[in-house]
Amino acid sequence: MMVDTILDVMSQEQEKFRAESHGETEEGGTPASRAQIEKLEKELTEIKALLKQQTSIKEQ
């Protein structure tokens, strides 16, 4: 029983080390750069504008 606990803890530590060494966050993803965030924000703004344009066309 004690061996199972030790193996479980060692496995968790190994997974944590692997994730950290590959730059993963606790949520499992990789951190985004400021440029990536800004690009996505720009794309989101463009998508919102297109959706507003589309809804205004349908209302006419």
PDB file of N, CA and C in Angstrom:
ATOM      1  N   MET A   1       0.826  -1.189   0.000  1.00  0.00           N
ATOM      2  CA  MET A   1       0.000   0.000   0.000  1.00  0.00           C
ATOM      3  C   MET A   1       0.868   1.251   0.000  1.00  0.00           C
ATOM      4  N   MET A   2       1.899   1.269   0.790  1.00  0.00           N
ATOM      5  CA  MET A   2       2.809   2.399   0.840  1.00  0.00           C
ATOM      6  C   MET A   2       3.519   2.575  -0.497  1.00  0.00           C
ATOM      7  N   VAL A   3       3.832   1.462  -1.152  1.00  0.00           N
ATOM      8  CA  VAL A   3       4.504   1.509  -2.449  1.00  0.00           C
ATOM      9  C   VAL A   3       3.590   2.166  -3.477  1.00  0.00           C
ATOM     10  N   ASP A   4       2.298   1.849  -3.445  1.00  0.00           N
ATOM     11  CA  ASP A   4       1.339   2.466  -4.375  1.00  0.00           C
ATOM     12  C   ASP A   4       1.315   3.985  -4.206  1.00  0.00           C
ATOM     13  N   THR A   5       1.329   4.438  -2.984  1.00  0.00           N
ATOM     14  CA  THR A   5       1.308   5.873  -2.708  1.00  0.00           C
ATOM     15  C   THR A   5       2.567   6.546  -3.233  1.00  0.00           C
ATOM     16  N   ILE A   6       3.702   5.920  -2.983  1.00  0.00           N
ATOM     17  CA  ILE A   6       4.976   6.470  -3.452  1.00  0.00           C
ATOM     18  C   ILE A   6       5.000   6.532  -4.974  1.00  0.00           C
ATOM     19  N   LEU A   7       4.570   5.468  -5.643  1.00  0.00           N
ATOM     20  CA  LEU A   7       4.540   5.443  -7.101  1.00  0.00           C
ATOM     21  C   LEU A   7       3.586   6.492  -7.657  1.00  0.00           C
ATOM     22  N   ASP A   8       2.458   6.679  -7.001  1.00  0.00           N
ATOM     23  CA  ASP A   8       1.489   7.686  -7.439  1.00  0.00           C
ATOM     24  C   ASP A   8       2.085   9.090  -7.342  1.00  0.00           C
ATOM     25  N   VAL A   9       2.732   9.392  -6.231  1.00  0.00           N
ATOM     26  CA  VAL A   9       3.347  10.702  -6.037  1.00  0.00           C
ATOM     27  C   VAL A   9       4.469  10.913  -7.048  1.00  0.00           C
ATOM     28  N   MET A  10       5.278   9.896  -7.280  1.00  0.00           N
ATOM     29  CA  MET A  10       6.369  10.006  -8.247  1.00  0.00           C
ATOM     30  C   MET A  10       5.820  10.242  -9.656  1.00  0.00           C
ATOM     31  N   SER A  11       4.736   9.576  -9.994  1.00  0.00           N
ATOM     32  CA  SER A  11       4.116   9.747 -11.306  1.00  0.00           C
ATOM     33  C   SER A  11       3.592  11.167 -11.479  1.00  0.00           C
ATOM     34  N   GLN A  12       2.959  11.695 -10.447  1.00  0.00           N
ATOM     35  CA  GLN A  12       2.445  13.065 -10.493  1.00  0.00           C
ATOM     36  C   GLN A  12       3.581  14.076 -10.639  1.00  0.00           C
ATOM     37  N   GLU A  13       4.673  13.851  -9.903  1.00  0.00           N
ATOM     38  CA  GLU A  13       5.823  14.747  -9.988  1.00  0.00           C
ATOM     39  C   GLU A  13       6.460  14.691 -11.371  1.00  0.00           C
ATOM     40  N   GLN A  14       6.529  13.510 -11.952  1.00  0.00           N
ATOM     41  CA  GLN A  14       7.108  13.367 -13.287  1.00  0.00           C
ATOM     42  C   GLN A  14       6.246  14.105 -14.317  1.00  0.00           C
ATOM     43  N   GLU A  15       4.926  13.978 -14.224  1.00  0.00           N
ATOM     44  CA  GLU A  15       4.028  14.667 -15.153  1.00  0.00           C
ATOM     45  C   GLU A  15       4.142  16.182 -14.994  1.00  0.00           C
ATOM     46  N   LYS A  16       4.236  16.647 -13.770  1.00  0.00           N
ATOM     47  CA  LYS A  16       4.382  18.079 -13.507  1.00  0.00           C
ATOM     48  C   LYS A  16       5.691  18.598 -14.103  1.00  0.00           C
ATOM     49  N   PHE A  17       6.763  17.867 -13.922  1.00  0.00           N
ATOM     50  CA  PHE A  17       8.057  18.257 -14.474  1.00  0.00           C
ATOM     51  C   PHE A  17       8.001  18.285 -16.003  1.00  0.00           C
ATOM     52  N   ARG A  18       7.378  17.278 -16.611  1.00  0.00           N
ATOM     53  CA  ARG A  18       7.260  17.211 -18.073  1.00  0.00           C
ATOM     54  C   ARG A  18       6.494  18.420 -18.598  1.00  0.00           C
ATOM     55  N   ALA A  19       5.373  18.738 -17.956  1.00  0.00           N
ATOM     56  CA  ALA A  19       4.553  19.865 -18.392  1.00  0.00           C
ATOM     57  C   ALA A  19       5.319  21.184 -18.266  1.00  0.00           C
ATOM     58  N   GLU A  20       6.006  21.364 -17.159  1.00  0.00           N
ATOM     59  CA  GLU A  20       6.767  22.604 -16.951  1.00  0.00           C
ATOM     60  C   GLU A  20       7.919  22.722 -17.947  1.00  0.00           C
ATOM     61  N   SER A  21       8.568  21.610 -18.253  1.00  0.00           N
ATOM     62  CA  SER A  21       9.703  21.655 -19.168  1.00  0.00           C
ATOM     63  C   SER A  21       9.263  21.930 -20.607  1.00  0.00           C
ATOM     64  N   HIS A  22       7.990  21.679 -20.908  1.00  0.00           N
ATOM     65  CA  HIS A  22       7.458  21.963 -22.244  1.00  0.00           C
ATOM     66  C   HIS A  22       6.691  23.284 -22.294  1.00  0.00           C
ATOM     67  N   GLY A  23       6.740  24.045 -21.207  1.00  0.00           N
ATOM     68  CA  GLY A  23       6.119  25.363 -21.191  1.00  0.00           C
ATOM     69  C   GLY A  23       4.613  25.347 -21.046  1.00  0.00           C
ATOM     70  N   GLU A  24       4.049  24.253 -20.583  1.00  0.00           N
ATOM     71  CA  GLU A  24       2.599  24.179 -20.417  1.00  0.00           C
ATOM     72  C   GLU A  24       2.184  24.838 -19.117  1.00  0.00           C
ATOM     73  N   THR A  25       0.973  25.402 -19.127  1.00  0.00           N
ATOM     74  CA  THR A  25       0.413  25.984 -17.919  1.00  0.00           C
ATOM     75  C   THR A  25      -0.342  24.902 -17.164  1.00  0.00           C
ATOM     76  N   GLU A  26      -0.827  25.227 -15.988  1.00  0.00           N
ATOM     77  CA  GLU A  26      -1.584  24.254 -15.199  1.00  0.00           C
ATOM     78  C   GLU A  26      -2.861  23.829 -15.908  1.00  0.00           C
ATOM     79  N   GLU A  27      -3.417  24.712 -16.741  1.00  0.00           N
ATOM     80  CA  GLU A  27      -4.629  24.374 -17.468  1.00  0.00           C
ATOM     81  C   GLU A  27      -4.342  23.429 -18.635  1.00  0.00           C
ATOM     82  N   GLY A  28      -3.067  23.219 -18.938  1.00  0.00           N
ATOM     83  CA  GLY A  28      -2.708  22.288 -19.994  1.00  0.00           C
ATOM     84  C   GLY A  28      -2.333  22.941 -21.308  1.00  0.00           C
ATOM     85  N   GLY A  29      -2.541  24.230 -21.443  1.00  0.00           N
ATOM     86  CA  GLY A  29      -2.205  24.910 -22.685  1.00  0.00           C
ATOM     87  C   GLY A  29      -0.826  25.529 -22.630  1.00  0.00           C
ATOM     88  N   THR A  30      -0.454  26.171 -23.692  1.00  0.00           N
ATOM     89  CA  THR A  30       0.818  26.884 -23.707  1.00  0.00           C
ATOM     90  C   THR A  30       0.546  28.374 -23.582  1.00  0.00           C
ATOM     91  N   PRO A  31       1.430  29.097 -22.930  1.00  0.00           N
ATOM     92  CA  PRO A  31       1.217  30.528 -22.764  1.00  0.00           C
ATOM     93  C   PRO A  31       1.231  31.244 -24.113  1.00  0.00           C
ATOM     94  N   ALA A  32       0.412  32.266 -24.253  1.00  0.00           N
ATOM     95  CA  ALA A  32       0.341  33.036 -25.497  1.00  0.00           C
ATOM     96  C   ALA A  32       1.224  34.275 -25.383  1.00  0.00           C
ATOM     97  N   SER A  33       1.824  34.644 -26.500  1.00  0.00           N
ATOM     98  CA  SER A  33       2.629  35.865 -26.524  1.00  0.00           C
ATOM     99  C   SER A  33       1.694  37.065 -26.654  1.00  0.00           C
ATOM    100  N   ARG A  34       2.210  38.232 -26.370  1.00  0.00           N
ATOM    101  CA  ARG A  34       1.412  39.463 -26.482  1.00  0.00           C
ATOM    102  C   ARG A  34       0.961  39.669 -27.928  1.00  0.00           C
ATOM    103  N   ALA A  35       1.840  39.349 -28.880  1.00  0.00           N
ATOM    104  CA  ALA A  35       1.491  39.498 -30.301  1.00  0.00           C
ATOM    105  C   ALA A  35       0.339  38.571 -30.680  1.00  0.00           C
ATOM    106  N   GLN A  36       0.348  37.356 -30.175  1.00  0.00           N
ATOM    107  CA  GLN A  36      -0.737  36.412 -30.461  1.00  0.00           C
ATOM    108  C   GLN A  36      -2.051  36.909 -29.889  1.00  0.00           C
ATOM    109  N   ILE A  37      -1.997  37.439 -28.686  1.00  0.00           N
ATOM    110  CA  ILE A  37      -3.211  37.956 -28.047  1.00  0.00           C
ATOM    111  C   ILE A  37      -3.764  39.137 -28.833  1.00  0.00           C
ATOM    112  N   GLU A  38      -2.885  40.049 -29.234  1.00  0.00           N
ATOM    113  CA  GLU A  38      -3.321  41.215 -29.997  1.00  0.00           C
ATOM    114  C   GLU A  38      -3.913  40.812 -31.344  1.00  0.00           C
ATOM    115  N   LYS A  39      -3.322  39.806 -31.994  1.00  0.00           N
ATOM    116  CA  LYS A  39      -3.842  39.324 -33.274  1.00  0.00           C
ATOM    117  C   LYS A  39      -5.247  38.741 -33.087  1.00  0.00           C
ATOM    118  N   LEU A  40      -5.433  37.954 -32.039  1.00  0.00           N
ATOM    119  CA  LEU A  40      -6.742  37.369 -31.780  1.00  0.00           C
ATOM    120  C   LEU A  40      -7.776  38.427 -31.433  1.00  0.00           C
ATOM    121  N   GLU A  41      -7.370  39.451 -30.680  1.00  0.00           N
ATOM    122  CA  GLU A  41      -8.291  40.539 -30.354  1.00  0.00           C
ATOM    123  C   GLU A  41      -8.725  41.273 -31.621  1.00  0.00           C
ATOM    124  N   LYS A  42      -7.797  41.494 -32.540  1.00  0.00           N
ATOM    125  CA  LYS A  42      -8.113  42.162 -33.803  1.00  0.00           C
ATOM    126  C   LYS A  42      -9.083  41.315 -34.620  1.00  0.00           C
ATOM    127  N   GLU A  43      -8.808  40.018 -34.698  1.00  0.00           N
ATOM    128  CA  GLU A  43      -9.685  39.117 -35.443  1.00  0.00           C
ATOM    129  C   GLU A  43     -11.087  39.091 -34.833  1.00  0.00           C
ATOM    130  N   LEU A  44     -11.155  39.096 -33.514  1.00  0.00           N
ATOM    131  CA  LEU A  44     -12.446  39.089 -32.832  1.00  0.00           C
ATOM    132  C   LEU A  44     -13.227  40.362 -33.137  1.00  0.00           C
ATOM    133  N   THR A  45     -12.555  41.486 -33.149  1.00  0.00           N
ATOM    134  CA  THR A  45     -13.198  42.758 -33.486  1.00  0.00           C
ATOM    135  C   THR A  45     -13.752  42.715 -34.911  1.00  0.00           C
ATOM    136  N   GLU A  46     -12.959  42.162 -35.833  1.00  0.00           N
ATOM    137  CA  GLU A  46     -13.404  42.044 -37.223  1.00  0.00           C
ATOM    138  C   GLU A  46     -14.614  41.120 -37.344  1.00  0.00           C
ATOM    139  N   ILE A  47     -14.607  40.025 -36.611  1.00  0.00           N
ATOM    140  CA  ILE A  47     -15.732  39.080 -36.648  1.00  0.00           C
ATOM    141  C   ILE A  47     -16.995  39.741 -36.100  1.00  0.00           C
ATOM    142  N   LYS A  48     -16.850  40.476 -35.010  1.00  0.00           N
ATOM    143  CA  LYS A  48     -18.001  41.179 -34.436  1.00  0.00           C
ATOM    144  C   LYS A  48     -18.577  42.185 -35.425  1.00  0.00           C
ATOM    145  N   ALA A  49     -17.711  42.910 -36.116  1.00  0.00           N
ATOM    146  CA  ALA A  49     -18.166  43.895 -37.101  1.00  0.00           C
ATOM    147  C   ALA A  49     -18.921  43.205 -38.235  1.00  0.00           C
ATOM    148  N   LEU A  50     -18.404  42.086 -38.702  1.00  0.00           N
ATOM    149  CA  LEU A  50     -19.075  41.343 -39.763  1.00  0.00           C
ATOM    150  C   LEU A  50     -20.438  40.826 -39.315  1.00  0.00           C
ATOM    151  N   LEU A  51     -20.522  40.358 -38.079  1.00  0.00           N
ATOM    152  CA  LEU A  51     -21.802  39.868 -37.552  1.00  0.00           C
ATOM    153  C   LEU A  51     -22.820  41.000 -37.440  1.00  0.00           C
ATOM    154  N   LYS A  52     -22.380  42.161 -36.974  1.00  0.00           N
ATOM    155  CA  LYS A  52     -23.283  43.317 -36.889  1.00  0.00           C
ATOM    156  C   LYS A  52     -23.766  43.715 -38.275  1.00  0.00           C
ATOM    157  N   GLN A  53     -22.861  43.709 -39.234  1.00  0.00           N
ATOM    158  CA  GLN A  53     -23.209  44.048 -40.616  1.00  0.00           C
ATOM    159  C   GLN A  53     -24.216  43.043 -41.166  1.00  0.00           C
ATOM    160  N   GLN A  54     -24.010  41.793 -40.881  1.00  0.00           N
ATOM    161  CA  GLN A  54     -24.878  40.733 -41.375  1.00  0.00           C
ATOM    162  C   GLN A  54     -26.278  40.856 -40.763  1.00  0.00           C
ATOM    163  N   THR A  55     -26.356  41.142 -39.476  1.00  0.00           N
ATOM    164  CA  THR A  55     -27.666  41.266 -38.829  1.00  0.00           C
ATOM    165  C   THR A  55     -28.404  42.504 -39.315  1.00  0.00           C
ATOM    166  N   SER A  56     -27.671  43.574 -39.596  1.00  0.00           N
ATOM    167  CA  SER A  56     -28.342  44.779 -40.081  1.00  0.00           C
ATOM    168  C   SER A  56     -28.876  44.572 -41.502  1.00  0.00           C
ATOM    169  N   ILE A  57     -28.205  43.780 -42.301  1.00  0.00           N
ATOM    170  CA  ILE A  57     -28.681  43.459 -43.662  1.00  0.00           C
ATOM    171  C   ILE A  57     -29.966  42.612 -43.587  1.00  0.00           C
ATOM    172  N   LYS A  58     -29.984  41.665 -42.655  1.00  0.00           N
ATOM    173  CA  LYS A  58     -31.165  40.795 -42.513  1.00  0.00           C
ATOM    174  C   LYS A  58     -32.388  41.579 -42.032  1.00  0.00           C
ATOM    175  N   GLU A  59     -32.171  42.628 -41.231  1.00  0.00           N
ATOM    176  CA  GLU A  59     -33.275  43.422 -40.703  1.00  0.00           C
ATOM    177  C   GLU A  59     -33.907  44.312 -41.768  1.00  0.00           C
ATOM    178  N   GLN A  60     -33.212  44.580 -42.849  1.00  0.00           N
ATOM    179  CA  GLN A  60     -33.721  45.476 -43.892  1.00  0.00           C
ATOM    180  C   GLN A  60     -34.678  44.772 -44.812  1.00  0.00           C
TER     181      GLN A  60
END
